[in-house]
Amino acid sequence: MNWYKKRTSARSADVLFDFVLMQVVTAGHKTQELMGGAERRPSILGF
């Protein structure tokens, strides 16, 4: 049963990471739009 616990915690960590990454990307895009760079996206992170 121990492997199941590890698997679950790893999975929730992945979900949390995805959520944080999404927030960062969204914030980055909003910042670009505020700075007037909405036409051309920054390719720093590859988005």
Protein backbone atom coordinates (compact mmCIF):
# COMPACT_ATOMS: atom_id res chain seq x y z
CA MET A 1 0.00 0.00 0.00
CA ASN A 2 3.02 2.26 0.39
CA TRP A 3 3.64 2.60 -3.35
CA TYR A 4 0.06 3.78 -3.77
CA LYS A 5 0.60 6.58 -1.26
CA LYS A 6 3.77 7.69 -3.00
CA ARG A 7 2.04 7.62 -6.38
CA THR A 8 -0.82 9.77 -5.09
CA SER A 9 1.42 12.42 -3.53
CA ALA A 10 3.55 12.57 -6.68
CA ARG A 11 0.40 13.02 -8.74
CA SER A 12 -0.91 15.88 -6.59
CA ALA A 13 2.53 17.50 -6.80
CA ASP A 14 2.29 17.32 -10.60
CA VAL A 15 -1.16 18.90 -10.53
CA LEU A 16 0.09 21.67 -8.25
CA PHE A 17 3.10 22.26 -10.51
CA ASP A 18 0.86 22.46 -13.59
CA PHE A 19 -1.38 24.95 -11.81
CA VAL A 20 1.54 27.17 -10.77
CA LEU A 21 3.04 27.00 -14.26
CA MET A 22 -0.28 28.03 -15.75
CA GLN A 23 -0.48 31.01 -13.37
CA VAL A 24 3.05 32.10 -14.32
CA VAL A 25 2.36 31.82 -18.05
CA THR A 26 -0.93 33.70 -17.76
CA ALA A 27 0.68 36.43 -15.66
CA GLY A 28 3.52 36.70 -18.18
CA HIS A 29 1.10 37.16 -21.06
CA LYS A 30 -0.91 39.76 -19.15
CA THR A 31 2.28 41.64 -18.33
CA GLN A 32 3.27 41.62 -22.01
CA GLU A 33 -0.13 43.00 -23.00
CA LEU A 34 0.16 45.75 -20.40
CA MET A 35 3.56 46.65 -21.81
CA GLY A 36 2.10 46.79 -25.32
CA GLY A 37 3.71 43.61 -26.61
CA ALA A 38 0.50 41.72 -27.27
CA GLU A 39 1.25 41.28 -30.99
CA ARG A 40 4.51 39.45 -30.43
CA ARG A 41 4.77 36.95 -27.64
CA PRO A 42 8.08 36.59 -25.82
CA SER A 43 9.94 33.42 -26.77
CA ILE A 44 11.93 33.30 -23.55
CA LEU A 45 9.94 30.37 -22.16
CA GLY A 46 8.87 29.11 -25.57
CA PHE A 47 5.22 30.18 -25.25
